[in-house]
Amino acid sequence: MPVIAIVGAGPGLGIEIARAFGKMGFAVAMVARNAAKLDALAAELHAEGIKAAGFTGDISKPDTITEAFARIKEQFGTVDVLEFSPVDQTLNAVGVLDVDPAALQPQVEFYINGAIHAVRQVVTEMIAAESGTILITTGGGSITPVLALANINIAAAGLRNWTLNLHQELKPQNIYVAHVAISAWIGAEHPGAAPDVIAGAYRELYETRIEPELHYIALND
């Protein structure tokens, strides 16, 4: 049974990505900080006949991510798909003129360094198998900056750049890497912002394995 690991799994987009892949026959490993919430998500998926489990890990604490992936491998085996989309609401956003090292570095540590560490947990085995998929998510500001989110945009743009380079690096090894930038108020009234609709775009990327990037736009007028 193939395995998808979702880093930053939650009750919105995360569980819908889990559901979309679970319905394709994947076992679902969900990584996040809150064990109780993970257990609730796993129970919801189990009720639908999807094999799933939660593994606690904090992307800002690399050792906990290493431990989480060790437990994933022990329980489910090798990860075939990695999806990275954590969010930390405690990290403050600042505008363009307020960006300084103190405001920027936590964003870089969380998003860029967090993604690099997560990818390292799976990429060696993917290269050996010449197979695998890595999907890295950011907000749409990585492509179309938002002035009030300047420090987040810088980190997201850096993560986008690294992901696109990773796509080129790993493509010859038959490993598909794609960046997903989401310009949407997820869960808002706009029909295209529904989490299950957005999750369908991830499934399509996985199935087609063509484009290195998707800018998903669904904003209310």
C-alpha atoms as a PDB file:
ATOM      1  CA  MET A   1       0.000   0.000   0.000  1.00  0.00           C
ATOM      2  CA  PRO A   2       1.488   3.392  -0.978  1.00  0.00           C
ATOM      3  CA  VAL A   3       1.993   5.943   1.793  1.00  0.00           C
ATOM      4  CA  ILE A   4       1.441   9.703   1.881  1.00  0.00           C
ATOM      5  CA  ALA A   5       2.914  11.803   4.692  1.00  0.00           C
ATOM      6  CA  ILE A   6       1.212  15.145   5.280  1.00  0.00           C
ATOM      7  CA  VAL A   7       3.300  17.587   7.314  1.00  0.00           C
ATOM      8  CA  GLY A   8       1.086  20.225   8.859  1.00  0.00           C
ATOM      9  CA  ALA A   9      -2.097  18.141   8.736  1.00  0.00           C
ATOM     10  CA  GLY A  10      -5.212  19.825  10.080  1.00  0.00           C
ATOM     11  CA  PRO A  11      -9.007  19.768   9.872  1.00  0.00           C
ATOM     12  CA  GLY A  12      -9.197  21.911   6.729  1.00  0.00           C
ATOM     13  CA  LEU A  13      -7.045  21.302   3.674  1.00  0.00           C
ATOM     14  CA  GLY A  14      -4.881  18.685   5.382  1.00  0.00           C
ATOM     15  CA  ILE A  15      -7.618  16.163   6.029  1.00  0.00           C
ATOM     16  CA  GLU A  16      -9.061  16.710   2.557  1.00  0.00           C
ATOM     17  CA  ILE A  17      -5.683  15.915   0.981  1.00  0.00           C
ATOM     18  CA  ALA A  18      -5.580  12.856   3.234  1.00  0.00           C
ATOM     19  CA  ARG A  19      -9.080  11.893   2.130  1.00  0.00           C
ATOM     20  CA  ALA A  20      -8.299  12.423  -1.575  1.00  0.00           C
ATOM     21  CA  PHE A  21      -5.237  10.191  -1.453  1.00  0.00           C
ATOM     22  CA  GLY A  22      -6.811   7.719   0.961  1.00  0.00           C
ATOM     23  CA  LYS A  23      -9.578   7.103  -1.540  1.00  0.00           C
ATOM     24  CA  MET A  24      -6.878   6.201  -4.071  1.00  0.00           C
ATOM     25  CA  GLY A  25      -5.632   3.468  -1.749  1.00  0.00           C
ATOM     26  CA  PHE A  26      -2.940   5.341   0.180  1.00  0.00           C
ATOM     27  CA  ALA A  27      -2.169   4.862   3.836  1.00  0.00           C
ATOM     28  CA  VAL A  28      -2.123   8.318   5.407  1.00  0.00           C
ATOM     29  CA  ALA A  29       0.501   9.503   7.903  1.00  0.00           C
ATOM     30  CA  MET A  30      -0.364  12.904   9.353  1.00  0.00           C
ATOM     31  CA  VAL A  31       2.275  14.997  11.123  1.00  0.00           C
ATOM     32  CA  ALA A  32       1.407  17.947  13.369  1.00  0.00           C
ATOM     33  CA  ARG A  33       2.010  19.212  16.886  1.00  0.00           C
ATOM     34  CA  ASN A  34      -1.281  18.335  18.573  1.00  0.00           C
ATOM     35  CA  ALA A  35      -1.714  14.609  19.253  1.00  0.00           C
ATOM     36  CA  ALA A  36      -5.373  14.889  20.232  1.00  0.00           C
ATOM     37  CA  LYS A  37      -6.298  16.642  17.000  1.00  0.00           C
ATOM     38  CA  LEU A  38      -4.345  14.101  14.982  1.00  0.00           C
ATOM     39  CA  ASP A  39      -6.161  11.259  16.716  1.00  0.00           C
ATOM     40  CA  ALA A  40      -9.506  12.876  15.890  1.00  0.00           C
ATOM     41  CA  LEU A  41      -8.548  13.269  12.226  1.00  0.00           C
ATOM     42  CA  ALA A  42      -7.349   9.666  12.041  1.00  0.00           C
ATOM     43  CA  ALA A  43     -10.585   8.419  13.606  1.00  0.00           C
ATOM     44  CA  GLU A  44     -12.599  10.371  11.046  1.00  0.00           C
ATOM     45  CA  LEU A  45     -10.645   8.794   8.204  1.00  0.00           C
ATOM     46  CA  HIS A  46     -10.879   5.321   9.739  1.00  0.00           C
ATOM     47  CA  ALA A  47     -14.658   5.663   9.756  1.00  0.00           C
ATOM     48  CA  GLU A  48     -14.465   6.134   5.991  1.00  0.00           C
ATOM     49  CA  GLY A  49     -12.335   3.043   5.499  1.00  0.00           C
ATOM     50  CA  ILE A  50      -9.030   4.906   5.101  1.00  0.00           C
ATOM     51  CA  LYS A  51      -5.930   3.630   6.867  1.00  0.00           C
ATOM     52  CA  ALA A  52      -4.509   6.599   8.763  1.00  0.00           C
ATOM     53  CA  ALA A  53      -2.511   7.553  11.838  1.00  0.00           C
ATOM     54  CA  GLY A  54      -1.141  10.695  13.443  1.00  0.00           C
ATOM     55  CA  PHE A  55       2.495  11.282  14.353  1.00  0.00           C
ATOM     56  CA  THR A  56       3.381  14.236  16.545  1.00  0.00           C
ATOM     57  CA  GLY A  57       6.135  16.505  15.304  1.00  0.00           C
ATOM     58  CA  ASP A  58       6.912  20.209  15.412  1.00  0.00           C
ATOM     59  CA  ILE A  59       8.478  21.608  12.242  1.00  0.00           C
ATOM     60  CA  SER A  60      10.310  24.204  14.345  1.00  0.00           C
ATOM     61  CA  LYS A  61      11.984  21.331  16.246  1.00  0.00           C
ATOM     62  CA  PRO A  62      13.768  19.221  13.614  1.00  0.00           C
ATOM     63  CA  ASP A  63      14.504  16.312  15.956  1.00  0.00           C
ATOM     64  CA  THR A  64      10.777  15.755  16.467  1.00  0.00           C
ATOM     65  CA  ILE A  65      10.246  15.565  12.704  1.00  0.00           C
ATOM     66  CA  THR A  66      13.059  13.036  12.385  1.00  0.00           C
ATOM     67  CA  GLU A  67      11.419  10.969  15.121  1.00  0.00           C
ATOM     68  CA  ALA A  68       7.985  11.256  13.506  1.00  0.00           C
ATOM     69  CA  PHE A  69       9.252   9.952  10.179  1.00  0.00           C
ATOM     70  CA  ALA A  70      11.057   7.101  11.895  1.00  0.00           C
ATOM     71  CA  ARG A  71       7.736   6.082  13.435  1.00  0.00           C
ATOM     72  CA  ILE A  72       5.964   6.467  10.089  1.00  0.00           C
ATOM     73  CA  LYS A  73       8.457   4.124   8.447  1.00  0.00           C
ATOM     74  CA  GLU A  74       8.122   1.624  11.286  1.00  0.00           C
ATOM     75  CA  GLN A  75       4.312   1.591  11.076  1.00  0.00           C
ATOM     76  CA  PHE A  76       3.612   2.124   7.376  1.00  0.00           C
ATOM     77  CA  GLY A  77       6.880   1.674   5.497  1.00  0.00           C
ATOM     78  CA  THR A  78       8.524   3.935   2.940  1.00  0.00           C
ATOM     79  CA  VAL A  79       6.843   7.248   2.136  1.00  0.00           C
ATOM     80  CA  ASP A  80       5.777   7.531  -1.510  1.00  0.00           C
ATOM     81  CA  VAL A  81       4.301  11.042  -1.367  1.00  0.00           C
ATOM     82  CA  LEU A  82       5.331  13.923   0.897  1.00  0.00           C
ATOM     83  CA  GLU A  83       3.037  16.930   1.202  1.00  0.00           C
ATOM     84  CA  PHE A  84       4.363  19.907   3.201  1.00  0.00           C
ATOM     85  CA  SER A  85       1.955  22.639   4.292  1.00  0.00           C
ATOM     86  CA  PRO A  86       2.455  23.636   7.939  1.00  0.00           C
ATOM     87  CA  VAL A  87       1.299  27.000   9.257  1.00  0.00           C
ATOM     88  CA  ASP A  88       2.327  28.730  12.472  1.00  0.00           C
ATOM     89  CA  GLN A  89      -0.164  31.441  13.417  1.00  0.00           C
ATOM     90  CA  THR A  90       2.120  32.637  16.232  1.00  0.00           C
ATOM     91  CA  LEU A  91       4.660  33.985  13.753  1.00  0.00           C
ATOM     92  CA  ASN A  92       3.841  37.652  13.253  1.00  0.00           C
ATOM     93  CA  ALA A  93       3.526  39.134   9.781  1.00  0.00           C
ATOM     94  CA  VAL A  94       5.063  42.552   9.091  1.00  0.00           C
ATOM     95  CA  GLY A  95       4.883  45.044   6.240  1.00  0.00           C
ATOM     96  CA  VAL A  96       7.623  45.854   3.759  1.00  0.00           C
ATOM     97  CA  LEU A  97       9.281  48.668   5.716  1.00  0.00           C
ATOM     98  CA  ASP A  98       9.154  46.716   8.967  1.00  0.00           C
ATOM     99  CA  VAL A  99      11.100  43.714   7.712  1.00  0.00           C
ATOM    100  CA  ASP A 100      14.283  43.201   9.702  1.00  0.00           C
ATOM    101  CA  PRO A 101      16.283  40.109  10.678  1.00  0.00           C
ATOM    102  CA  ALA A 102      14.201  39.589  13.804  1.00  0.00           C
ATOM    103  CA  ALA A 103      10.985  39.517  11.795  1.00  0.00           C
ATOM    104  CA  LEU A 104      12.374  37.499   8.890  1.00  0.00           C
ATOM    105  CA  GLN A 105      14.500  34.787  10.460  1.00  0.00           C
ATOM    106  CA  PRO A 106      11.657  32.899  12.221  1.00  0.00           C
ATOM    107  CA  GLN A 107       9.789  32.678   8.898  1.00  0.00           C
ATOM    108  CA  VAL A 108      12.897  31.361   7.142  1.00  0.00           C
ATOM    109  CA  GLU A 109      13.495  28.821   9.886  1.00  0.00           C
ATOM    110  CA  PHE A 110       9.913  27.611   9.838  1.00  0.00           C
ATOM    111  CA  TYR A 111       9.162  27.467   6.133  1.00  0.00           C
ATOM    112  CA  ILE A 112      12.466  27.024   4.292  1.00  0.00           C
ATOM    113  CA  ASN A 113      14.488  25.107   6.853  1.00  0.00           C
ATOM    114  CA  GLY A 114      11.405  23.157   7.898  1.00  0.00           C
ATOM    115  CA  ALA A 115      10.740  22.015   4.333  1.00  0.00           C
ATOM    116  CA  ILE A 116      14.370  21.137   3.713  1.00  0.00           C
ATOM    117  CA  HIS A 117      14.449  18.979   6.829  1.00  0.00           C
ATOM    118  CA  ALA A 118      11.151  17.274   5.992  1.00  0.00           C
ATOM    119  CA  VAL A 119      12.292  16.477   2.455  1.00  0.00           C
ATOM    120  CA  ARG A 120      15.523  15.007   3.769  1.00  0.00           C
ATOM    121  CA  GLN A 121      13.481  12.431   5.674  1.00  0.00           C
ATOM    122  CA  VAL A 122      12.212  10.879   2.440  1.00  0.00           C
ATOM    123  CA  VAL A 123      14.371  11.900  -0.503  1.00  0.00           C
ATOM    124  CA  THR A 124      17.210   9.406  -0.064  1.00  0.00           C
ATOM    125  CA  GLU A 125      14.851   6.445  -0.289  1.00  0.00           C
ATOM    126  CA  MET A 126      12.986   8.041  -3.189  1.00  0.00           C
ATOM    127  CA  ILE A 127      16.246   8.431  -5.104  1.00  0.00           C
ATOM    128  CA  ALA A 128      17.180   4.812  -4.407  1.00  0.00           C
ATOM    129  CA  ALA A 129      13.762   3.657  -5.638  1.00  0.00           C
ATOM    130  CA  GLU A 130      13.713   6.133  -8.547  1.00  0.00           C
ATOM    131  CA  SER A 131      10.154   6.929  -7.578  1.00  0.00           C
ATOM    132  CA  GLY A 132       8.289   9.421  -5.420  1.00  0.00           C
ATOM    133  CA  THR A 133       6.350  12.672  -5.232  1.00  0.00           C
ATOM    134  CA  ILE A 134       7.028  15.801  -3.183  1.00  0.00           C
ATOM    135  CA  LEU A 135       4.419  18.568  -3.017  1.00  0.00           C
ATOM    136  CA  ILE A 136       5.402  21.798  -1.256  1.00  0.00           C
ATOM    137  CA  THR A 137       2.695  24.334  -0.377  1.00  0.00           C
ATOM    138  CA  THR A 138       2.967  28.074   0.244  1.00  0.00           C
ATOM    139  CA  GLY A 139       0.594  30.985   0.221  1.00  0.00           C
ATOM    140  CA  GLY A 140       0.045  32.834  -3.026  1.00  0.00           C
ATOM    141  CA  GLY A 141       2.327  35.614  -1.788  1.00  0.00           C
ATOM    142  CA  SER A 142       5.282  33.513  -2.921  1.00  0.00           C
ATOM    143  CA  ILE A 143       4.253  34.485  -6.458  1.00  0.00           C
ATOM    144  CA  THR A 144       2.094  37.594  -5.985  1.00  0.00           C
ATOM    145  CA  PRO A 145       3.374  39.427  -2.885  1.00  0.00           C
ATOM    146  CA  VAL A 146       1.055  40.981  -0.332  1.00  0.00           C
ATOM    147  CA  LEU A 147       2.534  44.141   1.209  1.00  0.00           C
ATOM    148  CA  ALA A 148       1.346  43.428   4.743  1.00  0.00           C
ATOM    149  CA  LEU A 149       2.866  39.931   4.694  1.00  0.00           C
ATOM    150  CA  ALA A 150       6.315  40.958   3.515  1.00  0.00           C
ATOM    151  CA  ASN A 151       8.385  38.730   5.816  1.00  0.00           C
ATOM    152  CA  ILE A 152       6.195  35.690   5.123  1.00  0.00           C
ATOM    153  CA  ASN A 153       6.364  36.390   1.373  1.00  0.00           C
ATOM    154  CA  ILE A 154      10.164  36.486   1.428  1.00  0.00           C
ATOM    155  CA  ALA A 155      10.363  33.080   3.109  1.00  0.00           C
ATOM    156  CA  ALA A 156       7.644  31.639   0.883  1.00  0.00           C
ATOM    157  CA  ALA A 157       9.356  32.929  -2.259  1.00  0.00           C
ATOM    158  CA  GLY A 158      12.620  31.366  -1.122  1.00  0.00           C
ATOM    159  CA  LEU A 159      10.852  28.062  -0.516  1.00  0.00           C
ATOM    160  CA  ARG A 160       9.252  28.291  -3.952  1.00  0.00           C
ATOM    161  CA  ASN A 161      12.664  28.864  -5.554  1.00  0.00           C
ATOM    162  CA  TRP A 162      14.179  25.869  -3.776  1.00  0.00           C
ATOM    163  CA  THR A 163      11.207  23.663  -4.695  1.00  0.00           C
ATOM    164  CA  LEU A 164      11.443  24.543  -8.385  1.00  0.00           C
ATOM    165  CA  ASN A 165      15.166  23.802  -8.308  1.00  0.00           C
ATOM    166  CA  LEU A 166      14.421  20.519  -6.548  1.00  0.00           C
ATOM    167  CA  HIS A 167      12.018  19.677  -9.364  1.00  0.00           C
ATOM    168  CA  GLN A 168      14.825  20.019 -11.904  1.00  0.00           C
ATOM    169  CA  GLU A 169      17.322  18.141  -9.745  1.00  0.00           C
ATOM    170  CA  LEU A 170      15.133  15.120  -9.078  1.00  0.00           C
ATOM    171  CA  LYS A 171      13.251  14.838 -12.373  1.00  0.00           C
ATOM    172  CA  PRO A 172      15.936  12.589 -13.941  1.00  0.00           C
ATOM    173  CA  GLN A 173      15.454  10.186 -11.011  1.00  0.00           C
ATOM    174  CA  ASN A 174      11.719   9.937 -11.801  1.00  0.00           C
ATOM    175  CA  ILE A 175      10.839  11.895  -8.653  1.00  0.00           C
ATOM    176  CA  TYR A 176       8.121  14.454  -9.200  1.00  0.00           C
ATOM    177  CA  VAL A 177       8.378  17.704  -7.225  1.00  0.00           C
ATOM    178  CA  ALA A 178       5.844  20.512  -7.451  1.00  0.00           C
ATOM    179  CA  HIS A 179       5.165  23.804  -5.740  1.00  0.00           C
ATOM    180  CA  VAL A 180       1.569  24.736  -4.913  1.00  0.00           C
ATOM    181  CA  ALA A 181       0.859  28.403  -4.178  1.00  0.00           C
ATOM    182  CA  ILE A 182      -2.627  28.945  -2.784  1.00  0.00           C
ATOM    183  CA  SER A 183      -4.283  32.323  -3.284  1.00  0.00           C
ATOM    184  CA  ALA A 184      -7.545  31.526  -1.542  1.00  0.00           C
ATOM    185  CA  TRP A 185      -9.334  32.040   1.735  1.00  0.00           C
ATOM    186  CA  ILE A 186      -9.612  28.300   2.330  1.00  0.00           C
ATOM    187  CA  GLY A 187     -13.103  27.393   3.459  1.00  0.00           C
ATOM    188  CA  ALA A 188     -14.608  30.720   2.375  1.00  0.00           C
ATOM    189  CA  GLU A 189     -17.898  30.960   0.489  1.00  0.00           C
ATOM    190  CA  HIS A 190     -16.202  30.962  -2.908  1.00  0.00           C
ATOM    191  CA  PRO A 191     -16.831  27.445  -4.288  1.00  0.00           C
ATOM    192  CA  GLY A 192     -13.267  27.130  -5.487  1.00  0.00           C
ATOM    193  CA  ALA A 193     -11.980  27.741  -1.953  1.00  0.00           C
ATOM    194  CA  ALA A 194     -13.560  24.602  -0.508  1.00  0.00           C
ATOM    195  CA  PRO A 195     -10.815  22.382   0.978  1.00  0.00           C
ATOM    196  CA  ASP A 196     -11.991  19.284  -0.887  1.00  0.00           C
ATOM    197  CA  VAL A 197     -11.899  21.169  -4.202  1.00  0.00           C
ATOM    198  CA  ILE A 198      -8.352  22.379  -3.562  1.00  0.00           C
ATOM    199  CA  ALA A 199      -7.330  18.865  -2.494  1.00  0.00           C
ATOM    200  CA  GLY A 200      -8.507  17.650  -5.888  1.00  0.00           C
ATOM    201  CA  ALA A 201      -5.850  19.853  -7.482  1.00  0.00           C
ATOM    202  CA  TYR A 202      -3.173  18.023  -5.460  1.00  0.00           C
ATOM    203  CA  ARG A 203      -4.519  14.699  -6.641  1.00  0.00           C
ATOM    204  CA  GLU A 204      -4.408  15.928 -10.240  1.00  0.00           C
ATOM    205  CA  LEU A 205      -0.804  17.065  -9.886  1.00  0.00           C
ATOM    206  CA  TYR A 206       0.124  13.653  -8.514  1.00  0.00           C
ATOM    207  CA  GLU A 207      -1.651  11.851 -11.325  1.00  0.00           C
ATOM    208  CA  THR A 208      -0.348  13.980 -14.213  1.00  0.00           C
ATOM    209  CA  ARG A 209       3.208  14.613 -12.891  1.00  0.00           C
ATOM    210  CA  ILE A 210       3.771  17.310 -15.510  1.00  0.00           C
ATOM    211  CA  GLU A 211       3.740  20.855 -14.186  1.00  0.00           C
ATOM    212  CA  PRO A 212       6.355  21.940 -11.614  1.00  0.00           C
ATOM    213  CA  GLU A 213       4.023  24.561 -10.188  1.00  0.00           C
ATOM    214  CA  LEU A 214       0.366  25.320  -9.591  1.00  0.00           C
ATOM    215  CA  HIS A 215      -0.876  28.760  -8.570  1.00  0.00           C
ATOM    216  CA  TYR A 216      -4.327  27.976  -7.211  1.00  0.00           C
ATOM    217  CA  ILE A 217      -6.508  31.100  -7.211  1.00  0.00           C
ATOM    218  CA  ALA A 218      -9.955  31.293  -5.635  1.00  0.00           C
ATOM    219  CA  LEU A 219     -10.543  34.651  -3.974  1.00  0.00           C
ATOM    220  CA  ASN A 220     -13.851  36.347  -3.204  1.00  0.00           C
ATOM    221  CA  ASP A 221     -14.563  39.458  -5.237  1.00  0.00           C
END
